[in-house]
């Protein structure tokens, strides 16, 4: 006769019960697992508080949340410091490099000196003409390549010794000098008619010698 086996039904724990049983309470002093209903630890005998329910062996979640305001502020300060430390020296170097005078070509230098000629002559007029009251006429000749061959004249009115107004005409010559900035600048001084004729004669004489040397075979 066949044997019939009777297997009793054992109720399976629900998911909620399984999750709750997986969380074991531990003693905060010795780490011994204890029953949630017990008031004392079996390992060290310490009295368990109700706050023990929060001490479990469950592992914290590994999900990383957004940055806290403190961390965001620290990154902002680090970015500002990086800009100051790196960008500051670069800005200073560029500003210093922009102030360094660039080398000029001969044409650029001549154009600059020509623009300075009349201004320098009028400035020198205040030193040469005593009692200067008014500049009537001023002209400069800067056609030559050599500034030492340039010339100018100023017609002006001045107060004489008795308080009257007189008119005079002053001739000027030009030269060059190196300034504190390392560039060549124009200088101006007065000359008499005799000095101008002598200077112009010397320029023509020198030009004649140069022409004779260049025309020789």
N, C-alpha and C. Protein backbone atom coordinates (compact mmCIF):
# COMPACT_ATOMS: atom_id res chain seq x y z
N UNK A 1 0.86 -1.20 0.00
CA UNK A 1 0.00 0.00 0.00
C UNK A 1 0.88 1.23 0.00
N UNK A 2 0.67 2.20 -0.84
CA UNK A 2 1.58 3.37 -0.91
C UNK A 2 1.49 4.25 0.33
N UNK A 3 2.73 4.88 0.64
CA UNK A 3 2.81 5.76 1.81
C UNK A 3 2.56 7.20 1.37
N UNK A 4 1.69 7.81 2.12
CA UNK A 4 1.36 9.22 1.81
C UNK A 4 2.04 10.12 2.82
N UNK A 5 2.88 11.08 2.34
CA UNK A 5 3.59 12.03 3.20
C UNK A 5 2.80 13.32 3.30
N UNK A 6 2.66 13.79 4.48
CA UNK A 6 1.98 15.06 4.74
C UNK A 6 3.03 16.11 5.10
N UNK A 7 3.16 17.14 4.24
CA UNK A 7 4.13 18.23 4.48
C UNK A 7 3.37 19.43 5.02
N UNK A 8 3.63 19.80 6.27
CA UNK A 8 2.90 20.95 6.83
C UNK A 8 3.29 22.25 6.12
N UNK A 9 2.32 23.09 6.02
CA UNK A 9 2.58 24.42 5.43
C UNK A 9 3.22 25.34 6.46
N UNK A 10 4.39 25.88 6.09
CA UNK A 10 5.09 26.83 6.95
C UNK A 10 4.92 28.22 6.36
N UNK A 11 4.30 29.13 7.07
CA UNK A 11 4.12 30.49 6.51
C UNK A 11 5.45 31.19 6.28
N UNK A 12 5.63 31.76 5.09
CA UNK A 12 6.85 32.51 4.76
C UNK A 12 6.74 33.93 5.31
N UNK A 13 7.87 34.47 5.72
CA UNK A 13 7.83 35.86 6.23
C UNK A 13 7.54 36.84 5.10
N UNK A 14 6.78 37.82 5.45
CA UNK A 14 6.46 38.88 4.47
C UNK A 14 7.68 39.73 4.22
N UNK A 15 7.70 40.50 3.09
CA UNK A 15 8.85 41.38 2.83
C UNK A 15 9.10 42.39 3.93
N UNK A 16 8.01 42.86 4.54
CA UNK A 16 8.21 43.85 5.61
C UNK A 16 8.89 43.22 6.80
N UNK A 17 8.48 41.94 7.11
CA UNK A 17 9.09 41.27 8.24
C UNK A 17 10.55 40.94 7.98
N UNK A 18 10.84 40.57 6.67
CA UNK A 18 12.24 40.27 6.33
C UNK A 18 13.12 41.49 6.44
N UNK A 19 12.57 42.65 6.05
CA UNK A 19 13.37 43.88 6.13
C UNK A 19 13.62 44.28 7.55
N UNK A 20 12.59 44.04 8.42
CA UNK A 20 12.76 44.44 9.82
C UNK A 20 13.70 43.50 10.55
N UNK A 21 13.66 42.17 10.17
CA UNK A 21 14.55 41.22 10.84
C UNK A 21 16.00 41.40 10.40
N UNK A 22 16.19 41.97 9.20
CA UNK A 22 17.58 42.16 8.74
C UNK A 22 18.29 43.25 9.51
N UNK A 23 17.51 44.12 10.15
CA UNK A 23 18.11 45.21 10.89
C UNK A 23 18.31 44.78 12.34
N UNK A 24 19.50 44.41 12.72
CA UNK A 24 19.81 43.96 14.07
C UNK A 24 20.26 45.14 14.90
N UNK A 25 19.75 45.21 16.16
CA UNK A 25 20.19 46.24 17.08
C UNK A 25 21.51 45.85 17.71
N UNK A 26 22.38 46.82 17.87
CA UNK A 26 23.70 46.57 18.45
C UNK A 26 23.89 47.49 19.64
N UNK A 27 24.69 47.02 20.58
CA UNK A 27 25.03 47.82 21.76
C UNK A 27 26.03 48.90 21.37
N UNK A 28 25.77 50.15 21.73
CA UNK A 28 26.73 51.21 21.35
C UNK A 28 28.04 51.13 22.09
N UNK A 29 28.11 50.34 23.20
CA UNK A 29 29.35 50.27 23.99
C UNK A 29 30.27 49.14 23.54
N UNK A 30 29.67 47.94 23.32
CA UNK A 30 30.52 46.79 22.97
C UNK A 30 30.23 46.23 21.59
N UNK A 31 29.12 46.64 20.95
CA UNK A 31 28.79 46.16 19.62
C UNK A 31 28.12 44.82 19.59
N UNK A 32 27.66 44.30 20.71
CA UNK A 32 26.99 43.01 20.75
C UNK A 32 25.57 43.15 20.24
N UNK A 33 25.12 42.21 19.40
CA UNK A 33 23.75 42.23 18.91
C UNK A 33 22.80 41.90 20.05
N UNK A 34 21.74 42.67 20.19
CA UNK A 34 20.79 42.49 21.27
C UNK A 34 19.39 42.49 20.70
N UNK A 35 18.46 41.96 21.49
CA UNK A 35 17.06 41.95 21.13
C UNK A 35 16.48 43.34 21.36
N UNK A 36 15.56 43.74 20.47
CA UNK A 36 14.99 45.07 20.61
C UNK A 36 14.18 45.23 21.88
N UNK A 37 13.64 44.13 22.42
CA UNK A 37 12.82 44.23 23.63
C UNK A 37 13.65 44.20 24.90
N UNK A 38 14.92 43.85 24.80
CA UNK A 38 15.76 43.75 26.00
C UNK A 38 16.18 45.14 26.46
N UNK A 39 16.30 45.32 27.80
CA UNK A 39 16.69 46.60 28.38
C UNK A 39 18.17 46.64 28.77
N UNK A 40 18.86 45.51 28.70
CA UNK A 40 20.27 45.46 29.05
C UNK A 40 21.02 44.63 28.02
N UNK A 41 22.34 44.90 27.86
CA UNK A 41 23.19 44.19 26.90
C UNK A 41 23.70 42.91 27.53
N UNK A 42 23.60 41.80 26.76
CA UNK A 42 24.08 40.53 27.26
C UNK A 42 25.60 40.46 27.28
N UNK A 43 26.27 41.30 26.51
CA UNK A 43 27.72 41.23 26.45
C UNK A 43 28.39 42.03 27.56
N UNK A 44 27.98 43.29 27.75
CA UNK A 44 28.64 44.15 28.74
C UNK A 44 27.75 44.48 29.93
N UNK A 45 26.44 44.12 29.85
CA UNK A 45 25.54 44.38 30.95
C UNK A 45 25.09 45.81 31.05
N UNK A 46 25.39 46.64 30.07
CA UNK A 46 24.99 48.03 30.11
C UNK A 46 23.51 48.20 29.87
N UNK A 47 22.95 49.26 30.45
CA UNK A 47 21.53 49.55 30.28
C UNK A 47 21.31 50.17 28.92
N UNK A 48 20.33 49.67 28.19
CA UNK A 48 20.05 50.15 26.84
C UNK A 48 18.97 51.22 26.88
N UNK A 49 19.21 52.34 26.17
CA UNK A 49 18.24 53.41 26.08
C UNK A 49 17.34 53.17 24.89
N UNK A 50 16.25 53.93 24.84
CA UNK A 50 15.30 53.80 23.73
C UNK A 50 15.91 54.28 22.41
N UNK A 51 16.90 55.16 22.55
CA UNK A 51 17.55 55.65 21.32
C UNK A 51 18.37 54.60 20.63
N UNK A 52 18.47 53.39 21.26
CA UNK A 52 19.24 52.31 20.65
C UNK A 52 18.61 51.84 19.35
N UNK A 53 17.30 52.11 19.23
CA UNK A 53 16.63 51.66 18.01
C UNK A 53 17.24 52.27 16.77
N UNK A 54 17.90 53.42 16.94
CA UNK A 54 18.53 54.06 15.78
C UNK A 54 19.85 53.46 15.41
N UNK A 55 20.49 52.64 16.35
CA UNK A 55 21.80 52.03 16.09
C UNK A 55 21.59 50.66 15.50
N UNK A 56 21.70 50.52 14.23
CA UNK A 56 21.53 49.24 13.54
C UNK A 56 22.76 48.97 12.72
N UNK A 57 22.83 47.74 12.23
CA UNK A 57 23.97 47.37 11.38
C UNK A 57 23.69 47.61 9.91
N UNK A 58 22.61 48.35 9.63
CA UNK A 58 22.30 48.64 8.24
C UNK A 58 23.33 49.59 7.68
N UNK A 59 23.80 49.35 6.49
CA UNK A 59 24.81 50.19 5.87
C UNK A 59 24.18 51.45 5.30
N UNK A 60 24.87 52.57 5.40
CA UNK A 60 24.31 53.81 4.84
C UNK A 60 24.23 53.72 3.33
N UNK A 61 23.33 54.52 2.79
CA UNK A 61 23.14 54.54 1.34
C UNK A 61 24.36 55.12 0.66
N UNK A 62 24.71 54.57 -0.49
CA UNK A 62 25.89 55.02 -1.24
C UNK A 62 25.55 56.09 -2.26
N UNK A 63 24.30 56.55 -2.28
CA UNK A 63 23.91 57.55 -3.26
C UNK A 63 24.43 58.92 -2.81
N UNK A 64 25.14 59.61 -3.69
CA UNK A 64 25.71 60.93 -3.39
C UNK A 64 24.71 62.00 -3.79
N UNK A 65 24.37 62.86 -2.83
CA UNK A 65 23.42 63.93 -3.10
C UNK A 65 24.10 65.17 -3.62
N UNK A 66 23.37 66.26 -3.81
CA UNK A 66 23.96 67.52 -4.29
C UNK A 66 24.89 68.14 -3.25
N UNK A 67 25.78 69.04 -3.71
CA UNK A 67 26.72 69.69 -2.81
C UNK A 67 26.00 70.57 -1.81
N UNK A 68 26.52 70.57 -0.60
CA UNK A 68 25.97 71.44 0.42
C UNK A 68 26.39 72.88 0.15
N UNK A 69 25.68 73.86 0.76
CA UNK A 69 26.09 75.27 0.55
C UNK A 69 27.52 75.54 0.97
N UNK A 70 28.01 74.85 2.00
CA UNK A 70 29.40 75.06 2.45
C UNK A 70 30.40 74.60 1.39
N UNK A 71 30.14 73.40 0.81
CA UNK A 71 31.04 72.89 -0.22
C UNK A 71 31.01 73.78 -1.47
N UNK A 72 29.81 74.25 -1.85
CA UNK A 72 29.73 75.13 -3.01
C UNK A 72 30.47 76.43 -2.79
N UNK A 73 30.38 76.97 -1.55
CA UNK A 73 31.12 78.20 -1.24
C UNK A 73 32.61 78.00 -1.29
N UNK A 74 33.07 76.83 -0.82
CA UNK A 74 34.52 76.55 -0.86
C UNK A 74 35.03 76.47 -2.29
N UNK A 75 34.25 75.84 -3.19
CA UNK A 75 34.66 75.78 -4.60
C UNK A 75 34.68 77.17 -5.22
N UNK A 76 33.73 78.04 -4.83
CA UNK A 76 33.70 79.40 -5.37
C UNK A 76 34.92 80.19 -4.93
N UNK A 77 35.29 80.06 -3.64
CA UNK A 77 36.49 80.75 -3.14
C UNK A 77 37.74 80.25 -3.85
N UNK A 78 37.81 78.92 -4.08
CA UNK A 78 38.97 78.36 -4.79
C UNK A 78 39.07 78.89 -6.22
N UNK A 79 37.91 79.04 -6.89
CA UNK A 79 37.93 79.57 -8.26
C UNK A 79 38.39 81.02 -8.28
N UNK A 80 37.93 81.83 -7.30
CA UNK A 80 38.34 83.24 -7.24
C UNK A 80 39.84 83.35 -6.98
N UNK A 81 40.36 82.54 -6.05
CA UNK A 81 41.80 82.56 -5.78
C UNK A 81 42.61 82.16 -7.00
N UNK A 82 42.11 81.19 -7.76
CA UNK A 82 42.82 80.76 -8.97
C UNK A 82 42.89 81.89 -9.99
N UNK A 83 41.78 82.63 -10.14
CA UNK A 83 41.77 83.75 -11.08
C UNK A 83 42.74 84.84 -10.64
N UNK A 84 42.77 85.13 -9.32
CA UNK A 84 43.65 86.20 -8.82
C UNK A 84 45.11 85.80 -8.94
N UNK A 85 45.43 84.56 -8.56
CA UNK A 85 46.84 84.13 -8.56
C UNK A 85 47.39 83.99 -9.97
N UNK A 86 46.58 83.46 -10.89
CA UNK A 86 47.06 83.23 -12.25
C UNK A 86 46.82 84.45 -13.14
N UNK A 87 45.63 85.04 -13.06
CA UNK A 87 45.31 86.15 -13.96
C UNK A 87 45.97 87.46 -13.57
N UNK A 88 46.25 87.67 -12.26
CA UNK A 88 46.88 88.92 -11.83
C UNK A 88 48.25 89.15 -12.45
N UNK A 89 49.19 88.21 -12.33
CA UNK A 89 50.51 88.41 -12.96
C UNK A 89 50.44 88.56 -14.48
N UNK A 90 49.52 87.84 -15.12
CA UNK A 90 49.40 87.96 -16.57
C UNK A 90 48.95 89.38 -16.96
N UNK A 91 47.96 89.93 -16.24
CA UNK A 91 47.48 91.29 -16.52
C UNK A 91 48.58 92.31 -16.28
N UNK A 92 49.36 92.13 -15.18
CA UNK A 92 50.43 93.08 -14.88
C UNK A 92 51.51 93.04 -15.97
N UNK A 93 51.86 91.84 -16.42
CA UNK A 93 52.89 91.71 -17.45
C UNK A 93 52.44 92.36 -18.75
N UNK A 94 51.17 92.18 -19.13
CA UNK A 94 50.67 92.77 -20.36
C UNK A 94 50.63 94.29 -20.27
N UNK A 95 50.28 94.84 -19.10
CA UNK A 95 50.24 96.30 -18.95
C UNK A 95 51.65 96.89 -19.00
N UNK A 96 52.63 96.19 -18.42
CA UNK A 96 54.00 96.68 -18.48
C UNK A 96 54.56 96.58 -19.89
N UNK A 97 54.22 95.51 -20.60
CA UNK A 97 54.71 95.35 -21.97
C UNK A 97 54.13 96.41 -22.89
N UNK A 98 52.88 96.84 -22.62
CA UNK A 98 52.25 97.86 -23.46
C UNK A 98 52.93 99.22 -23.30
N UNK A 99 53.59 99.46 -22.14
CA UNK A 99 54.24 100.75 -21.90
C UNK A 99 55.64 100.82 -22.48
N UNK A 100 56.20 99.71 -22.90
CA UNK A 100 57.56 99.71 -23.46
C UNK A 100 57.52 100.37 -24.84
N UNK A 101 58.34 101.40 -25.09
CA UNK A 101 58.32 102.05 -26.40
C UNK A 101 58.78 101.11 -27.51
N UNK A 102 58.05 101.11 -28.60
CA UNK A 102 58.39 100.27 -29.74
C UNK A 102 59.45 100.98 -30.60
N UNK A 103 60.35 100.24 -31.20
CA UNK A 103 61.33 100.86 -32.09
C UNK A 103 60.65 101.52 -33.29
N UNK A 104 61.11 102.73 -33.63
CA UNK A 104 60.52 103.47 -34.73
C UNK A 104 61.35 103.29 -36.00
N UNK A 105 60.67 103.38 -37.12
CA UNK A 105 61.37 103.46 -38.39
C UNK A 105 61.80 104.91 -38.62
N UNK A 106 62.67 105.13 -39.60
CA UNK A 106 63.14 106.49 -39.89
C UNK A 106 61.98 107.39 -40.33
N UNK A 107 61.05 106.84 -41.09
CA UNK A 107 59.91 107.64 -41.53
C UNK A 107 59.01 108.01 -40.36
N UNK A 108 58.77 107.07 -39.45
CA UNK A 108 57.95 107.37 -38.28
C UNK A 108 58.61 108.42 -37.40
N UNK A 109 59.93 108.33 -37.23
CA UNK A 109 60.63 109.31 -36.41
C UNK A 109 60.58 110.70 -37.06
N UNK A 110 60.75 110.77 -38.36
CA UNK A 110 60.71 112.06 -39.03
C UNK A 110 59.33 112.70 -38.93
N UNK A 111 58.28 111.90 -39.11
CA UNK A 111 56.92 112.44 -38.98
C UNK A 111 56.66 112.95 -37.57
N UNK A 112 57.17 112.24 -36.58
CA UNK A 112 56.96 112.68 -35.20
C UNK A 112 57.72 113.96 -34.92
N UNK A 113 58.97 114.05 -35.40
CA UNK A 113 59.75 115.28 -35.18
C UNK A 113 59.14 116.47 -35.91
N UNK A 114 58.59 116.23 -37.09
CA UNK A 114 57.93 117.33 -37.81
C UNK A 114 56.72 117.85 -37.04
N UNK A 115 55.99 116.94 -36.39
CA UNK A 115 54.84 117.38 -35.60
C UNK A 115 55.27 118.13 -34.34
N UNK A 116 56.50 117.89 -33.86
CA UNK A 116 57.00 118.58 -32.68
C UNK A 116 57.64 119.93 -33.00
N UNK A 117 57.96 120.18 -34.27
CA UNK A 117 58.76 121.35 -34.64
C UNK A 117 58.09 122.66 -34.23
N UNK A 118 56.85 122.90 -34.66
CA UNK A 118 56.20 124.18 -34.36
C UNK A 118 55.95 124.35 -32.87
N UNK A 119 55.59 123.26 -32.19
CA UNK A 119 55.35 123.36 -30.75
C UNK A 119 56.62 123.74 -30.00
N UNK A 120 57.74 123.12 -30.36
CA UNK A 120 59.01 123.44 -29.72
C UNK A 120 59.43 124.88 -30.02
N UNK A 121 59.16 125.35 -31.23
CA UNK A 121 59.53 126.72 -31.59
C UNK A 121 58.71 127.73 -30.79
N UNK A 122 57.42 127.49 -30.63
CA UNK A 122 56.59 128.41 -29.86
C UNK A 122 56.97 128.39 -28.38
N UNK A 123 57.35 127.23 -27.85
CA UNK A 123 57.80 127.16 -26.46
C UNK A 123 59.10 127.94 -26.28
N UNK A 124 60.01 127.83 -27.24
CA UNK A 124 61.27 128.55 -27.15
C UNK A 124 61.06 130.05 -27.31
N UNK A 125 59.99 130.45 -28.02
CA UNK A 125 59.72 131.89 -28.20
C UNK A 125 59.45 132.58 -26.87
N UNK A 126 58.81 131.89 -25.93
CA UNK A 126 58.54 132.49 -24.63
C UNK A 126 59.82 132.74 -23.84
N UNK A 127 60.90 131.99 -24.14
CA UNK A 127 62.17 132.21 -23.47
C UNK A 127 63.02 133.27 -24.15
N UNK A 128 62.88 133.38 -25.46
CA UNK A 128 63.73 134.31 -26.22
C UNK A 128 63.14 135.72 -26.24
N UNK A 129 61.84 135.83 -26.45
CA UNK A 129 61.19 137.14 -26.57
C UNK A 129 60.71 137.58 -25.19
N UNK A 130 61.39 138.56 -24.61
CA UNK A 130 61.03 139.05 -23.28
C UNK A 130 59.79 139.94 -23.40
N UNK A 131 58.81 139.72 -22.56
CA UNK A 131 57.58 140.51 -22.59
C UNK A 131 56.65 140.11 -23.72
N UNK A 132 56.73 138.86 -24.17
CA UNK A 132 55.89 138.40 -25.28
C UNK A 132 54.41 138.54 -24.94
N UNK A 133 53.65 139.13 -25.84
CA UNK A 133 52.21 139.29 -25.63
C UNK A 133 51.38 138.53 -26.66
N UNK A 134 51.88 138.43 -27.90
CA UNK A 134 51.05 137.79 -28.93
C UNK A 134 51.93 137.27 -30.06
N UNK A 135 51.61 136.05 -30.53
CA UNK A 135 52.26 135.49 -31.71
C UNK A 135 51.42 135.86 -32.92
N UNK A 136 52.04 136.59 -33.84
CA UNK A 136 51.32 137.02 -35.04
C UNK A 136 51.44 135.99 -36.15
N UNK A 137 52.63 135.48 -36.34
CA UNK A 137 52.86 134.52 -37.43
C UNK A 137 53.97 133.56 -37.03
N UNK A 138 53.84 132.30 -37.43
CA UNK A 138 54.86 131.29 -37.16
C UNK A 138 54.89 130.32 -38.31
N UNK A 139 56.09 129.96 -38.74
CA UNK A 139 56.24 129.01 -39.85
C UNK A 139 57.52 128.21 -39.65
N UNK A 140 57.49 126.96 -40.11
CA UNK A 140 58.66 126.09 -40.03
C UNK A 140 58.86 125.43 -41.39
N UNK A 141 60.12 125.12 -41.69
CA UNK A 141 60.48 124.42 -42.93
C UNK A 141 61.16 123.12 -42.51
N UNK A 142 60.51 122.01 -42.79
CA UNK A 142 61.02 120.70 -42.36
C UNK A 142 61.10 119.73 -43.54
N UNK A 143 61.43 120.24 -44.72
CA UNK A 143 61.47 119.37 -45.91
C UNK A 143 62.70 118.48 -45.92
N UNK A 144 63.80 118.95 -45.36
CA UNK A 144 65.04 118.17 -45.41
C UNK A 144 64.92 116.93 -44.51
N UNK A 145 65.69 115.91 -44.86
CA UNK A 145 65.70 114.69 -44.04
C UNK A 145 66.42 114.90 -42.72
N UNK A 146 67.42 115.79 -42.72
CA UNK A 146 68.20 116.05 -41.52
C UNK A 146 67.56 117.18 -40.73
N UNK A 147 67.12 116.96 -39.48
CA UNK A 147 66.50 118.05 -38.71
C UNK A 147 67.42 119.23 -38.47
N UNK A 148 68.74 119.03 -38.57
CA UNK A 148 69.67 120.15 -38.38
C UNK A 148 69.58 121.15 -39.53
N UNK A 149 68.95 120.76 -40.62
CA UNK A 149 68.75 121.67 -41.74
C UNK A 149 67.37 122.33 -41.72
N UNK A 150 66.59 122.08 -40.72
CA UNK A 150 65.28 122.71 -40.61
C UNK A 150 65.42 124.12 -40.05
N UNK A 151 64.44 124.92 -40.33
CA UNK A 151 64.45 126.30 -39.84
C UNK A 151 63.04 126.80 -39.63
N UNK A 152 62.91 127.87 -38.86
CA UNK A 152 61.61 128.45 -38.60
C UNK A 152 61.75 129.92 -38.23
N UNK A 153 60.63 130.63 -38.27
CA UNK A 153 60.64 132.03 -37.87
C UNK A 153 59.31 132.37 -37.21
N UNK A 154 59.36 133.32 -36.28
CA UNK A 154 58.19 133.75 -35.52
C UNK A 154 58.13 135.28 -35.56
N UNK A 155 56.95 135.79 -35.89
CA UNK A 155 56.68 137.22 -35.79
C UNK A 155 55.74 137.43 -34.62
N UNK A 156 56.19 138.26 -33.66
CA UNK A 156 55.43 138.40 -32.42
C UNK A 156 55.47 139.85 -31.94
N UNK A 157 54.58 140.16 -31.04
CA UNK A 157 54.55 141.47 -30.37
C UNK A 157 54.97 141.29 -28.92
N UNK A 158 55.67 142.31 -28.41
CA UNK A 158 56.15 142.25 -27.04
C UNK A 158 56.08 143.65 -26.42
N UNK A 159 56.16 143.70 -25.11
CA UNK A 159 56.13 144.97 -24.37
C UNK A 159 57.56 145.44 -24.17
N UNK A 160 57.85 146.66 -24.62
CA UNK A 160 59.21 147.19 -24.47
C UNK A 160 59.42 147.75 -23.06
N UNK A 161 60.57 148.36 -22.85
CA UNK A 161 60.94 148.81 -21.51
C UNK A 161 60.07 149.96 -21.00
N UNK A 162 59.53 150.74 -21.92
CA UNK A 162 58.72 151.89 -21.50
C UNK A 162 57.24 151.57 -21.49
N UNK A 163 56.90 150.28 -21.72
CA UNK A 163 55.50 149.89 -21.68
C UNK A 163 54.80 149.91 -23.01
N UNK A 164 55.49 150.23 -24.09
CA UNK A 164 54.88 150.24 -25.41
C UNK A 164 54.90 148.85 -26.04
N UNK A 165 54.15 148.70 -27.12
CA UNK A 165 54.07 147.44 -27.84
C UNK A 165 54.92 147.54 -29.10
N UNK A 166 55.83 146.60 -29.27
CA UNK A 166 56.67 146.54 -30.46
C UNK A 166 56.55 145.17 -31.11
N UNK A 167 56.99 145.10 -32.35
CA UNK A 167 56.94 143.86 -33.11
C UNK A 167 58.36 143.42 -33.46
N UNK A 168 58.58 142.13 -33.43
CA UNK A 168 59.90 141.58 -33.74
C UNK A 168 59.75 140.30 -34.53
N UNK A 169 60.85 139.93 -35.18
CA UNK A 169 60.91 138.69 -35.93
C UNK A 169 62.13 137.90 -35.47
N UNK A 170 61.92 136.66 -35.06
CA UNK A 170 63.00 135.83 -34.51
C UNK A 170 63.13 134.58 -35.37
N UNK A 171 64.38 134.24 -35.70
CA UNK A 171 64.67 133.03 -36.47
C UNK A 171 65.07 131.90 -35.52
N UNK A 172 64.74 130.67 -35.92
CA UNK A 172 65.03 129.51 -35.07
C UNK A 172 65.66 128.41 -35.92
N UNK A 173 66.51 127.63 -35.24
CA UNK A 173 67.09 126.44 -35.85
C UNK A 173 66.77 125.23 -34.96
N UNK A 174 66.93 124.04 -35.53
CA UNK A 174 66.53 122.81 -34.84
C UNK A 174 67.70 121.84 -34.76
N UNK A 175 67.59 120.94 -33.82
CA UNK A 175 68.54 119.85 -33.64
C UNK A 175 67.81 118.70 -32.96
N UNK A 176 68.54 117.69 -32.59
CA UNK A 176 67.96 116.51 -31.94
C UNK A 176 68.71 116.19 -30.66
N UNK A 177 68.00 115.50 -29.78
CA UNK A 177 68.60 115.05 -28.53
C UNK A 177 67.81 113.84 -28.05
N UNK A 178 68.47 112.96 -27.30
CA UNK A 178 67.82 111.76 -26.78
C UNK A 178 67.17 112.08 -25.44
N UNK A 179 65.88 111.78 -25.33
CA UNK A 179 65.14 112.07 -24.11
C UNK A 179 65.27 110.97 -23.07
N UNK A 180 64.59 111.17 -21.94
CA UNK A 180 64.61 110.19 -20.86
C UNK A 180 63.90 108.90 -21.24
N UNK A 181 63.01 108.97 -22.22
CA UNK A 181 62.29 107.77 -22.65
C UNK A 181 63.06 106.95 -23.67
N UNK A 182 64.28 107.38 -24.01
CA UNK A 182 65.10 106.64 -24.96
C UNK A 182 64.82 106.99 -26.41
N UNK A 183 63.89 107.91 -26.69
CA UNK A 183 63.57 108.31 -28.05
C UNK A 183 64.27 109.61 -28.42
N UNK A 184 64.46 109.82 -29.71
CA UNK A 184 65.07 111.05 -30.22
C UNK A 184 63.98 112.12 -30.27
N UNK A 185 64.26 113.28 -29.65
CA UNK A 185 63.31 114.39 -29.64
C UNK A 185 63.96 115.63 -30.25
N UNK A 186 63.12 116.55 -30.63
CA UNK A 186 63.58 117.77 -31.29
C UNK A 186 63.92 118.82 -30.23
N UNK A 187 64.97 119.57 -30.50
CA UNK A 187 65.30 120.74 -29.67
C UNK A 187 65.41 121.96 -30.57
N UNK A 188 65.13 123.12 -30.00
CA UNK A 188 65.04 124.35 -30.79
C UNK A 188 65.80 125.46 -30.10
N UNK A 189 66.42 126.33 -30.88
CA UNK A 189 67.13 127.49 -30.34
C UNK A 189 67.09 128.61 -31.39
N UNK A 190 67.24 129.84 -30.92
CA UNK A 190 67.19 130.99 -31.83
C UNK A 190 68.54 131.19 -32.52
N UNK A 191 68.51 131.88 -33.65
CA UNK A 191 69.72 132.21 -34.38
C UNK A 191 69.51 133.55 -35.08
N UNK A 192 70.62 134.21 -35.35
CA UNK A 192 70.57 135.50 -36.05
C UNK A 192 70.54 135.26 -37.57
N UNK A 193 70.30 136.34 -38.31
CA UNK A 193 70.30 136.21 -39.77
C UNK A 193 71.68 135.82 -40.30
N UNK A 194 72.73 136.34 -39.66
CA UNK A 194 74.09 136.00 -40.08
C UNK A 194 74.36 134.51 -39.86
N UNK A 195 73.93 133.99 -38.70
CA UNK A 195 74.14 132.57 -38.41
C UNK A 195 73.34 131.69 -39.38
N UNK A 196 72.14 132.16 -39.74
CA UNK A 196 71.36 131.35 -40.68
C UNK A 196 72.01 131.32 -42.05
N UNK A 197 72.47 132.49 -42.53
CA UNK A 197 73.13 132.51 -43.85
C UNK A 197 74.38 131.65 -43.85
N UNK A 198 75.13 131.71 -42.75
CA UNK A 198 76.34 130.90 -42.67
C UNK A 198 76.00 129.40 -42.64
N UNK A 199 74.94 129.08 -41.92
CA UNK A 199 74.55 127.68 -41.85
C UNK A 199 74.05 127.18 -43.20
N UNK A 200 73.23 127.98 -43.87
CA UNK A 200 72.73 127.57 -45.18
C UNK A 200 73.85 127.49 -46.20
N UNK A 201 74.82 128.41 -46.10
CA UNK A 201 75.97 128.35 -47.01
C UNK A 201 76.79 127.09 -46.75
N UNK A 202 76.95 126.73 -45.47
CA UNK A 202 77.70 125.51 -45.15
C UNK A 202 76.96 124.28 -45.64
N UNK A 203 75.64 124.29 -45.59
CA UNK A 203 74.88 123.14 -46.08
C UNK A 203 75.04 123.01 -47.59
N UNK A 204 75.00 124.14 -48.31
CA UNK A 204 75.16 124.08 -49.76
C UNK A 204 76.57 123.65 -50.14
N UNK A 205 77.56 124.14 -49.36
CA UNK A 205 78.95 123.78 -49.63
C UNK A 205 79.15 122.28 -49.42
N UNK A 206 78.59 121.75 -48.35
CA UNK A 206 78.71 120.32 -48.08
C UNK A 206 77.98 119.51 -49.14
N UNK A 207 76.82 119.99 -49.60
CA UNK A 207 76.08 119.30 -50.64
C UNK A 207 76.87 119.31 -51.96
N UNK A 208 77.61 120.42 -52.24
CA UNK A 208 78.41 120.48 -53.46
C UNK A 208 79.54 119.48 -53.43
N UNK A 209 80.19 119.36 -52.27
CA UNK A 209 81.26 118.36 -52.15
C UNK A 209 80.71 116.95 -52.33
N UNK A 210 79.54 116.67 -51.75
CA UNK A 210 78.94 115.35 -51.90
C UNK A 210 78.58 115.07 -53.35
N UNK A 211 78.06 116.10 -54.08
CA UNK A 211 77.67 115.94 -55.47
C UNK A 211 78.91 115.68 -56.33
N UNK A 212 80.03 116.37 -56.02
CA UNK A 212 81.25 116.17 -56.80
C UNK A 212 81.80 114.75 -56.60
N UNK A 213 81.73 114.25 -55.36
CA UNK A 213 82.25 112.92 -55.09
C UNK A 213 81.38 111.85 -55.73
N UNK A 214 80.07 112.08 -55.75
CA UNK A 214 79.18 111.08 -56.32
C UNK A 214 79.20 111.08 -57.83
N UNK A 215 79.61 112.20 -58.47
CA UNK A 215 79.62 112.28 -59.94
C UNK A 215 80.93 111.80 -60.52
N UNK A 216 81.94 111.56 -59.69
CA UNK A 216 83.23 111.10 -60.21
C UNK A 216 83.11 109.65 -60.67
N UNK A 217 83.79 109.29 -61.77
CA UNK A 217 83.74 107.90 -62.26
C UNK A 217 84.50 106.98 -61.33
